[in-house]
C-alpha atoms as a PDB file:
ATOM      1  CA  MET A   1       1.661  10.058  13.894  1.00  0.00           C
ATOM      2  CA  LYS A   2       2.182   6.327  13.389  1.00  0.00           C
ATOM      3  CA  ARG A   3       5.679   5.098  12.665  1.00  0.00           C
ATOM      4  CA  PHE A   4       6.287   1.576  11.510  1.00  0.00           C
ATOM      5  CA  SER A   5       8.558  -0.814  13.349  1.00  0.00           C
ATOM      6  CA  VAL A   6      11.663  -1.606  11.388  1.00  0.00           C
ATOM      7  CA  VAL A   7      13.337  -4.967  11.875  1.00  0.00           C
ATOM      8  CA  ASP A   8      17.047  -5.062  10.949  1.00  0.00           C
ATOM      9  CA  GLU A   9      16.491  -1.745   9.125  1.00  0.00           C
ATOM     10  CA  ALA A  10      15.292  -3.759   6.120  1.00  0.00           C
ATOM     11  CA  ARG A  11      11.756  -4.860   6.758  1.00  0.00           C
ATOM     12  CA  VAL A  12       8.838  -2.560   7.476  1.00  0.00           C
ATOM     13  CA  ILE A  13       6.096  -4.237   9.499  1.00  0.00           C
ATOM     14  CA  LEU A  14       2.766  -3.482   7.832  1.00  0.00           C
ATOM     15  CA  SER A  15      -0.760  -4.537   8.642  1.00  0.00           C
ATOM     16  CA  PRO A  16      -2.286  -6.940   6.112  1.00  0.00           C
ATOM     17  CA  ARG A  17      -4.411  -4.099   4.658  1.00  0.00           C
ATOM     18  CA  GLU A  18      -1.406  -1.743   4.408  1.00  0.00           C
ATOM     19  CA  ALA A  19       0.553  -4.439   2.597  1.00  0.00           C
ATOM     20  CA  GLN A  20      -2.309  -5.010   0.163  1.00  0.00           C
ATOM     21  CA  VAL A  21      -2.747  -1.297  -0.567  1.00  0.00           C
ATOM     22  CA  LEU A  22       1.013  -0.782  -0.963  1.00  0.00           C
ATOM     23  CA  GLU A  23       1.274  -3.682  -3.395  1.00  0.00           C
ATOM     24  CA  LEU A  24      -1.523  -2.216  -5.519  1.00  0.00           C
ATOM     25  CA  VAL A  25      -0.071   1.323  -5.347  1.00  0.00           C
ATOM     26  CA  LYS A  26       3.251  -0.162  -6.494  1.00  0.00           C
ATOM     27  CA  ALA A  27       1.398  -1.711  -9.455  1.00  0.00           C
ATOM     28  CA  SER A  28       0.079   1.787 -10.380  1.00  0.00           C
ATOM     29  CA  HIS A  29      -3.597   1.107  -9.667  1.00  0.00           C
ATOM     30  CA  PRO A  30      -5.710   4.233  -8.985  1.00  0.00           C
ATOM     31  CA  ASN A  31      -7.416   4.623  -5.610  1.00  0.00           C
ATOM     32  CA  LYS A  32     -10.831   3.844  -7.080  1.00  0.00           C
ATOM     33  CA  GLU A  33      -9.674   0.504  -8.456  1.00  0.00           C
ATOM     34  CA  ILE A  34      -7.767  -0.364  -5.264  1.00  0.00           C
ATOM     35  CA  ALA A  35     -10.964   0.286  -3.295  1.00  0.00           C
ATOM     36  CA  PHE A  36     -13.000  -1.922  -5.630  1.00  0.00           C
ATOM     37  CA  ARG A  37     -10.462  -4.753  -5.577  1.00  0.00           C
ATOM     38  CA  LEU A  38     -10.241  -4.735  -1.783  1.00  0.00           C
ATOM     39  CA  GLY A  39     -13.947  -4.127  -1.128  1.00  0.00           C
ATOM     40  CA  VAL A  40     -13.393  -0.909   0.805  1.00  0.00           C
ATOM     41  CA  THR A  41     -14.228   2.756   0.212  1.00  0.00           C
ATOM     42  CA  GLU A  42     -11.984   5.041  -1.785  1.00  0.00           C
ATOM     43  CA  GLY A  43     -11.689   7.164   1.375  1.00  0.00           C
ATOM     44  CA  SER A  44     -10.259   4.175   3.257  1.00  0.00           C
ATOM     45  CA  VAL A  45      -7.650   3.739   0.543  1.00  0.00           C
ATOM     46  CA  LYS A  46      -6.688   7.422   0.725  1.00  0.00           C
ATOM     47  CA  VAL A  47      -6.334   7.228   4.500  1.00  0.00           C
ATOM     48  CA  THR A  48      -4.197   4.073   4.275  1.00  0.00           C
ATOM     49  CA  ILE A  49      -1.914   5.668   1.686  1.00  0.00           C
ATOM     50  CA  TYR A  50      -1.622   8.796   3.845  1.00  0.00           C
ATOM     51  CA  GLN A  51      -0.743   6.673   6.903  1.00  0.00           C
ATOM     52  CA  LEU A  52       1.846   4.723   4.917  1.00  0.00           C
ATOM     53  CA  CYS A  53       3.476   7.935   3.708  1.00  0.00           C
ATOM     54  CA  LEU A  54       3.577   9.370   7.246  1.00  0.00           C
ATOM     55  CA  GLY A  55       4.864   6.136   8.767  1.00  0.00           C
ATOM     56  CA  ILE A  56       7.673   5.661   6.243  1.00  0.00           C
ATOM     57  CA  GLY A  57       8.416   9.380   6.029  1.00  0.00           C
ATOM     58  CA  LEU A  58       7.459  10.008   2.422  1.00  0.00           C
ATOM     59  CA  PRO A  59       5.787  13.115   0.947  1.00  0.00           C
ATOM     60  CA  ASN A  60       3.248  11.540  -1.422  1.00  0.00           C
ATOM     61  CA  ARG A  61       1.844   8.498  -3.248  1.00  0.00           C
ATOM     62  CA  THR A  62       4.404   8.685  -6.055  1.00  0.00           C
ATOM     63  CA  ALA A  63       7.268   8.570  -3.581  1.00  0.00           C
ATOM     64  CA  LEU A  64       5.520   5.650  -1.857  1.00  0.00           C
ATOM     65  CA  ALA A  65       5.341   3.678  -5.131  1.00  0.00           C
ATOM     66  CA  ILE A  66       9.004   4.387  -5.845  1.00  0.00           C
ATOM     67  CA  TRP A  67       9.948   3.369  -2.288  1.00  0.00           C
ATOM     68  CA  ALA A  68       8.036   0.097  -2.691  1.00  0.00           C
ATOM     69  CA  TYR A  69      10.040  -0.696  -5.850  1.00  0.00           C
ATOM     70  CA  GLN A  70      13.324   0.202  -4.201  1.00  0.00           C
ATOM     71  CA  HIS A  71      12.624  -1.822  -1.034  1.00  0.00           C
ATOM     72  CA  PRO A  72      10.859  -5.031  -2.111  1.00  0.00           C
ATOM     73  CA  GLU A  73      12.420  -6.878   0.824  1.00  0.00           C
ATOM     74  CA  ALA A  74      10.828  -4.407   3.232  1.00  0.00           C
ATOM     75  CA  ILE A  75       7.278  -5.226   2.257  1.00  0.00           C
ATOM     76  CA  GLN A  76       5.688  -8.053   4.187  1.00  0.00           C
ATOM     77  CA  ARG A  77       4.441 -10.337   1.413  1.00  0.00           C
ATOM     78  CA  LEU A  78       0.832 -11.284   1.883  1.00  0.00           C
ATOM     79  CA  PRO A  79      -1.591 -12.681  -0.705  1.00  0.00           C
ATOM     80  CA  VAL A  80      -3.957 -10.022  -2.049  1.00  0.00           C
ATOM     81  CA  LYS A  81      -7.502 -11.355  -2.347  1.00  0.00           C
ATOM     82  CA  THR A  82      -9.295  -9.010  -4.691  1.00  0.00           C
ATOM     83  CA  ASN A  83     -12.431  -8.517  -6.716  1.00  0.00           C
ATOM     84  CA  LYS A  84     -12.040  -8.504 -10.479  1.00  0.00           C
ATOM     85  CA  SER A  85     -10.939  -5.256 -12.066  1.00  0.00           C
ATOM     86  CA  PRO A  86     -13.899  -3.102 -13.190  1.00  0.00           C
ATOM     87  CA  GLN A  87     -12.036  -2.671 -16.501  1.00  0.00           C
ATOM     88  CA  ALA A  88     -11.988  -6.430 -17.102  1.00  0.00           C
ATOM     89  CA  ALA A  89     -15.767  -6.702 -17.070  1.00  0.00           C
END
């Protein structure tokens, strides 16, 4: 089980992909749309969300989104380069 390094108990160190997925989960995007925006499979998104939950110690995606809102300083801010939303087409 992967645990994330915590610096000063305030900042979780995430990979660039984890940060991108977390930002999109926080914005309430479904897995299918996250996968499309990031150019990965839906399965990859599910695995990343699962790893984030395990690493932070959360039970599910909803708790992960709430945690992201409650700890904005903990998320390593990285630009999210995405495809256009399939709904915008």
